Amino acid sequence: MSHKPSFEQLTGPVLVSACLLGIPCRYNNQSKPHLEMLKGLDIMPVPVCPEQLGGLPTPRPASFFIGGGGNEVLAGGAKLMNREGSDVTNQFVNGAVYVCAIAKYLNVQYAILKENSPSCGIHQIWLEDTLIPGQGVTAAMLNQMGLCIMNEDGVE
């Protein structure tokens, strides 16, 4: 989208990382509530957790990228591994596909996603043990669909 709104300008259904809404769906069975971002907004938050939608359990081993970020995963040039050494790329891609299906079904134009997440990171992701610039798999796919995506601090 060419227009880059602030939180206050969001309207209608908005995808929101479920962990930001206080739902304990993170890899460690915790949440990262950031409810103050919703105060005064005229939106319908639509909670999504791509990792759960993709079939990963909660709790689950933490995952990280190898060979690139979300865009590289979608292009087939990178993958995601969990800390136990299992390849979880398919689950991350499937979760992204399901989140995008929800976005299409509800005609969603905006998403507020959890920064640093292998699914939802907007600007930063974990490449092995290093935080690098990049997008998570779901963030990359939503971006390719043309959604306006921002992190929990309203940064696009």
C-alpha atoms as a PDB file:
ATOM      1  CA  MET A   1       0.000   0.000   0.000  1.00  0.00           C
ATOM      2  CA  SER A   2       1.244   3.454  -0.759  1.00  0.00           C
ATOM      3  CA  HIS A   3      -0.471   5.075   2.244  1.00  0.00           C
ATOM      4  CA  LYS A   4       1.358   4.407   5.517  1.00  0.00           C
ATOM      5  CA  PRO A   5      -1.058   4.976   8.391  1.00  0.00           C
ATOM      6  CA  SER A   6      -0.322   5.279  12.076  1.00  0.00           C
ATOM      7  CA  PHE A   7      -2.156   3.129  14.637  1.00  0.00           C
ATOM      8  CA  GLU A   8      -4.746   5.877  15.083  1.00  0.00           C
ATOM      9  CA  GLN A   9      -5.660   5.752  11.390  1.00  0.00           C
ATOM     10  CA  LEU A  10      -6.310   2.006  11.236  1.00  0.00           C
ATOM     11  CA  THR A  11      -9.886   0.904  10.615  1.00  0.00           C
ATOM     12  CA  GLY A  12     -11.800  -2.319  10.095  1.00  0.00           C
ATOM     13  CA  PRO A  13     -10.391  -5.781  10.714  1.00  0.00           C
ATOM     14  CA  VAL A  14      -6.667  -5.768  11.548  1.00  0.00           C
ATOM     15  CA  LEU A  15      -4.557  -8.897  11.885  1.00  0.00           C
ATOM     16  CA  VAL A  16      -2.728  -8.846  15.219  1.00  0.00           C
ATOM     17  CA  SER A  17      -0.145 -11.325  16.450  1.00  0.00           C
ATOM     18  CA  ALA A  18      -2.081 -13.280  19.076  1.00  0.00           C
ATOM     19  CA  CYS A  19       0.784 -13.060  21.576  1.00  0.00           C
ATOM     20  CA  LEU A  20       0.431  -9.248  21.549  1.00  0.00           C
ATOM     21  CA  LEU A  21      -3.183  -9.687  22.673  1.00  0.00           C
ATOM     22  CA  GLY A  22      -2.126 -11.708  25.721  1.00  0.00           C
ATOM     23  CA  ILE A  23      -2.709 -15.163  24.248  1.00  0.00           C
ATOM     24  CA  PRO A  24       0.053 -17.548  25.455  1.00  0.00           C
ATOM     25  CA  CYS A  25       0.980 -18.921  22.045  1.00  0.00           C
ATOM     26  CA  ARG A  26       4.711 -18.116  21.880  1.00  0.00           C
ATOM     27  CA  TYR A  27       7.262 -20.922  21.698  1.00  0.00           C
ATOM     28  CA  ASN A  28       7.693 -20.773  25.512  1.00  0.00           C
ATOM     29  CA  ASN A  29       3.919 -20.799  26.192  1.00  0.00           C
ATOM     30  CA  GLN A  30       4.068 -17.102  27.099  1.00  0.00           C
ATOM     31  CA  SER A  31       2.557 -13.980  25.585  1.00  0.00           C
ATOM     32  CA  LYS A  32       3.932 -10.486  25.008  1.00  0.00           C
ATOM     33  CA  PRO A  33       0.864  -8.354  25.810  1.00  0.00           C
ATOM     34  CA  HIS A  34       0.940  -4.955  24.169  1.00  0.00           C
ATOM     35  CA  LEU A  35      -2.688  -3.997  24.694  1.00  0.00           C
ATOM     36  CA  GLU A  36      -2.024  -0.276  25.099  1.00  0.00           C
ATOM     37  CA  MET A  37      -1.549  -0.068  21.322  1.00  0.00           C
ATOM     38  CA  LEU A  38      -5.264  -0.806  20.880  1.00  0.00           C
ATOM     39  CA  LYS A  39      -6.599   1.897  23.207  1.00  0.00           C
ATOM     40  CA  GLY A  40      -8.861   4.315  21.385  1.00  0.00           C
ATOM     41  CA  LEU A  41      -8.663   2.459  18.073  1.00  0.00           C
ATOM     42  CA  ASP A  42     -11.763   1.751  16.010  1.00  0.00           C
ATOM     43  CA  ILE A  43     -10.631  -1.637  14.716  1.00  0.00           C
ATOM     44  CA  MET A  44     -11.603  -5.277  14.977  1.00  0.00           C
ATOM     45  CA  PRO A  45      -8.412  -7.087  16.061  1.00  0.00           C
ATOM     46  CA  VAL A  46      -8.144 -10.507  14.439  1.00  0.00           C
ATOM     47  CA  PRO A  47      -5.736 -12.636  16.515  1.00  0.00           C
ATOM     48  CA  VAL A  48      -3.441 -14.905  14.515  1.00  0.00           C
ATOM     49  CA  CYS A  49      -0.528 -17.134  15.456  1.00  0.00           C
ATOM     50  CA  PRO A  50       1.038 -18.431  12.241  1.00  0.00           C
ATOM     51  CA  GLU A  51       3.139 -20.989  14.068  1.00  0.00           C
ATOM     52  CA  GLN A  52       0.105 -22.593  15.687  1.00  0.00           C
ATOM     53  CA  LEU A  53      -1.885 -22.337  12.438  1.00  0.00           C
ATOM     54  CA  GLY A  54       1.007 -24.093  10.685  1.00  0.00           C
ATOM     55  CA  GLY A  55       0.774 -27.046  13.081  1.00  0.00           C
ATOM     56  CA  LEU A  56       3.498 -26.334  15.625  1.00  0.00           C
ATOM     57  CA  PRO A  57       2.659 -27.109  19.267  1.00  0.00           C
ATOM     58  CA  THR A  58       2.780 -24.712  22.195  1.00  0.00           C
ATOM     59  CA  PRO A  59       5.180 -24.833  23.917  1.00  0.00           C
ATOM     60  CA  ARG A  60       7.721 -25.654  21.198  1.00  0.00           C
ATOM     61  CA  PRO A  61      11.477 -25.294  20.726  1.00  0.00           C
ATOM     62  CA  ALA A  62      12.530 -21.822  19.559  1.00  0.00           C
ATOM     63  CA  SER A  63      13.162 -21.558  15.806  1.00  0.00           C
ATOM     64  CA  PHE A  64      15.620 -19.556  13.754  1.00  0.00           C
ATOM     65  CA  PHE A  65      16.497 -18.928  10.113  1.00  0.00           C
ATOM     66  CA  ILE A  66      19.352 -20.509   8.169  1.00  0.00           C
ATOM     67  CA  GLY A  67      20.401 -19.006   4.849  1.00  0.00           C
ATOM     68  CA  GLY A  68      18.197 -15.907   4.888  1.00  0.00           C
ATOM     69  CA  GLY A  69      14.876 -14.545   6.139  1.00  0.00           C
ATOM     70  CA  GLY A  70      11.221 -14.868   5.229  1.00  0.00           C
ATOM     71  CA  ASN A  71      11.540 -13.710   1.624  1.00  0.00           C
ATOM     72  CA  GLU A  72      14.357 -16.190   1.054  1.00  0.00           C
ATOM     73  CA  VAL A  73      12.298 -18.984   2.635  1.00  0.00           C
ATOM     74  CA  LEU A  74       9.390 -18.196   0.302  1.00  0.00           C
ATOM     75  CA  ALA A  75      11.787 -18.237  -2.676  1.00  0.00           C
ATOM     76  CA  GLY A  76      13.161 -21.624  -1.575  1.00  0.00           C
ATOM     77  CA  GLY A  77      16.645 -20.407  -0.649  1.00  0.00           C
ATOM     78  CA  ALA A  78      16.491 -20.533   3.167  1.00  0.00           C
ATOM     79  CA  LYS A  79      14.920 -22.628   5.899  1.00  0.00           C
ATOM     80  CA  LEU A  80      13.874 -22.604   9.521  1.00  0.00           C
ATOM     81  CA  MET A  81      15.267 -24.957  12.129  1.00  0.00           C
ATOM     82  CA  ASN A  82      14.253 -25.384  15.730  1.00  0.00           C
ATOM     83  CA  ARG A  83      16.692 -25.658  18.629  1.00  0.00           C
ATOM     84  CA  GLU A  84      16.303 -29.453  18.602  1.00  0.00           C
ATOM     85  CA  GLY A  85      17.592 -29.593  15.007  1.00  0.00           C
ATOM     86  CA  SER A  86      14.296 -30.252  13.219  1.00  0.00           C
ATOM     87  CA  ASP A  87      13.458 -28.505   9.966  1.00  0.00           C
ATOM     88  CA  VAL A  88      10.201 -26.585  10.586  1.00  0.00           C
ATOM     89  CA  THR A  89      10.141 -24.625   7.323  1.00  0.00           C
ATOM     90  CA  ASN A  90       6.931 -26.250   6.063  1.00  0.00           C
ATOM     91  CA  GLN A  91       5.037 -25.403   9.247  1.00  0.00           C
ATOM     92  CA  PHE A  92       6.093 -21.743   9.018  1.00  0.00           C
ATOM     93  CA  VAL A  93       5.123 -21.510   5.344  1.00  0.00           C
ATOM     94  CA  ASN A  94       1.795 -23.270   5.956  1.00  0.00           C
ATOM     95  CA  GLY A  95       1.030 -20.914   8.840  1.00  0.00           C
ATOM     96  CA  ALA A  96       1.753 -17.927   6.609  1.00  0.00           C
ATOM     97  CA  VAL A  97      -0.558 -19.314   3.918  1.00  0.00           C
ATOM     98  CA  TYR A  98      -3.379 -19.691   6.461  1.00  0.00           C
ATOM     99  CA  VAL A  99      -2.883 -16.169   7.830  1.00  0.00           C
ATOM    100  CA  CYS A 100      -3.005 -14.814   4.280  1.00  0.00           C
ATOM    101  CA  ALA A 101      -6.213 -16.786   3.649  1.00  0.00           C
ATOM    102  CA  ILE A 102      -7.751 -15.173   6.754  1.00  0.00           C
ATOM    103  CA  ALA A 103      -6.615 -11.749   5.503  1.00  0.00           C
ATOM    104  CA  LYS A 104      -8.232 -12.353   2.097  1.00  0.00           C
ATOM    105  CA  TYR A 105     -11.447 -13.726   3.578  1.00  0.00           C
ATOM    106  CA  LEU A 106     -11.877 -10.707   5.881  1.00  0.00           C
ATOM    107  CA  ASN A 107     -10.534  -8.182   3.335  1.00  0.00           C
ATOM    108  CA  VAL A 108      -7.853  -7.125   5.819  1.00  0.00           C
ATOM    109  CA  GLN A 109      -5.589  -4.239   4.767  1.00  0.00           C
ATOM    110  CA  TYR A 110      -3.417  -3.939   7.913  1.00  0.00           C
ATOM    111  CA  ALA A 111      -1.455  -6.154  10.278  1.00  0.00           C
ATOM    112  CA  ILE A 112       0.257  -5.474  13.615  1.00  0.00           C
ATOM    113  CA  LEU A 113       2.914  -8.135  14.084  1.00  0.00           C
ATOM    114  CA  LYS A 114       5.435  -9.138  16.775  1.00  0.00           C
ATOM    115  CA  GLU A 115       8.924  -7.894  15.976  1.00  0.00           C
ATOM    116  CA  ASN A 116      11.856 -10.373  16.029  1.00  0.00           C
ATOM    117  CA  SER A 117       9.568 -13.364  15.448  1.00  0.00           C
ATOM    118  CA  PRO A 118      10.490 -15.910  12.746  1.00  0.00           C
ATOM    119  CA  SER A 119       6.892 -15.624  11.539  1.00  0.00           C
ATOM    120  CA  CYS A 120       5.953 -12.046  12.287  1.00  0.00           C
ATOM    121  CA  GLY A 121       9.153 -10.000  12.450  1.00  0.00           C
ATOM    122  CA  ILE A 122       8.853  -6.822  10.392  1.00  0.00           C
ATOM    123  CA  HIS A 123      12.409  -5.464  10.558  1.00  0.00           C
ATOM    124  CA  GLN A 124      14.471  -7.977  12.561  1.00  0.00           C
ATOM    125  CA  ILE A 125      14.737 -11.759  12.725  1.00  0.00           C
ATOM    126  CA  TRP A 126      17.062 -14.345  14.247  1.00  0.00           C
ATOM    127  CA  LEU A 127      19.583 -15.864  11.855  1.00  0.00           C
ATOM    128  CA  GLU A 128      20.963 -18.642  14.032  1.00  0.00           C
ATOM    129  CA  ASP A 129      22.062 -16.709  17.167  1.00  0.00           C
ATOM    130  CA  THR A 130      22.264 -13.239  15.601  1.00  0.00           C
ATOM    131  CA  LEU A 131      19.510 -10.654  15.302  1.00  0.00           C
ATOM    132  CA  ILE A 132      19.658  -9.333  11.714  1.00  0.00           C
ATOM    133  CA  PRO A 133      17.550  -7.070   9.486  1.00  0.00           C
ATOM    134  CA  GLY A 134      14.826  -9.053   7.773  1.00  0.00           C
ATOM    135  CA  GLN A 135      11.213 -10.192   7.818  1.00  0.00           C
ATOM    136  CA  GLY A 136       9.538 -13.290   9.163  1.00  0.00           C
ATOM    137  CA  VAL A 137       7.787 -15.704   6.812  1.00  0.00           C
ATOM    138  CA  THR A 138       4.251 -14.438   7.467  1.00  0.00           C
ATOM    139  CA  ALA A 139       5.320 -10.789   7.418  1.00  0.00           C
ATOM    140  CA  ALA A 140       7.011 -11.347   4.047  1.00  0.00           C
ATOM    141  CA  MET A 141       3.956 -13.104   2.582  1.00  0.00           C
ATOM    142  CA  LEU A 142       1.545 -10.429   3.857  1.00  0.00           C
ATOM    143  CA  ASN A 143       3.857  -7.760   2.458  1.00  0.00           C
ATOM    144  CA  GLN A 144       3.839  -9.533  -0.920  1.00  0.00           C
ATOM    145  CA  MET A 145       0.011  -9.475  -0.768  1.00  0.00           C
ATOM    146  CA  GLY A 146       0.125  -5.699  -0.375  1.00  0.00           C
ATOM    147  CA  LEU A 147      -0.945  -5.402   3.257  1.00  0.00           C
ATOM    148  CA  CYS A 148       0.387  -2.546   5.332  1.00  0.00           C
ATOM    149  CA  ILE A 149       2.335  -4.274   8.106  1.00  0.00           C
ATOM    150  CA  MET A 150       3.732  -2.709  11.258  1.00  0.00           C
ATOM    151  CA  ASN A 151       5.205  -3.934  14.503  1.00  0.00           C
ATOM    152  CA  GLU A 152       3.799  -3.526  18.005  1.00  0.00           C
ATOM    153  CA  ASP A 153       5.401  -0.076  18.258  1.00  0.00           C
ATOM    154  CA  GLY A 154       3.691   1.140  15.094  1.00  0.00           C
ATOM    155  CA  VAL A 155       6.878   1.072  13.039  1.00  0.00           C
ATOM    156  CA  GLU A 156       6.388  -0.022   9.414  1.00  0.00           C
END
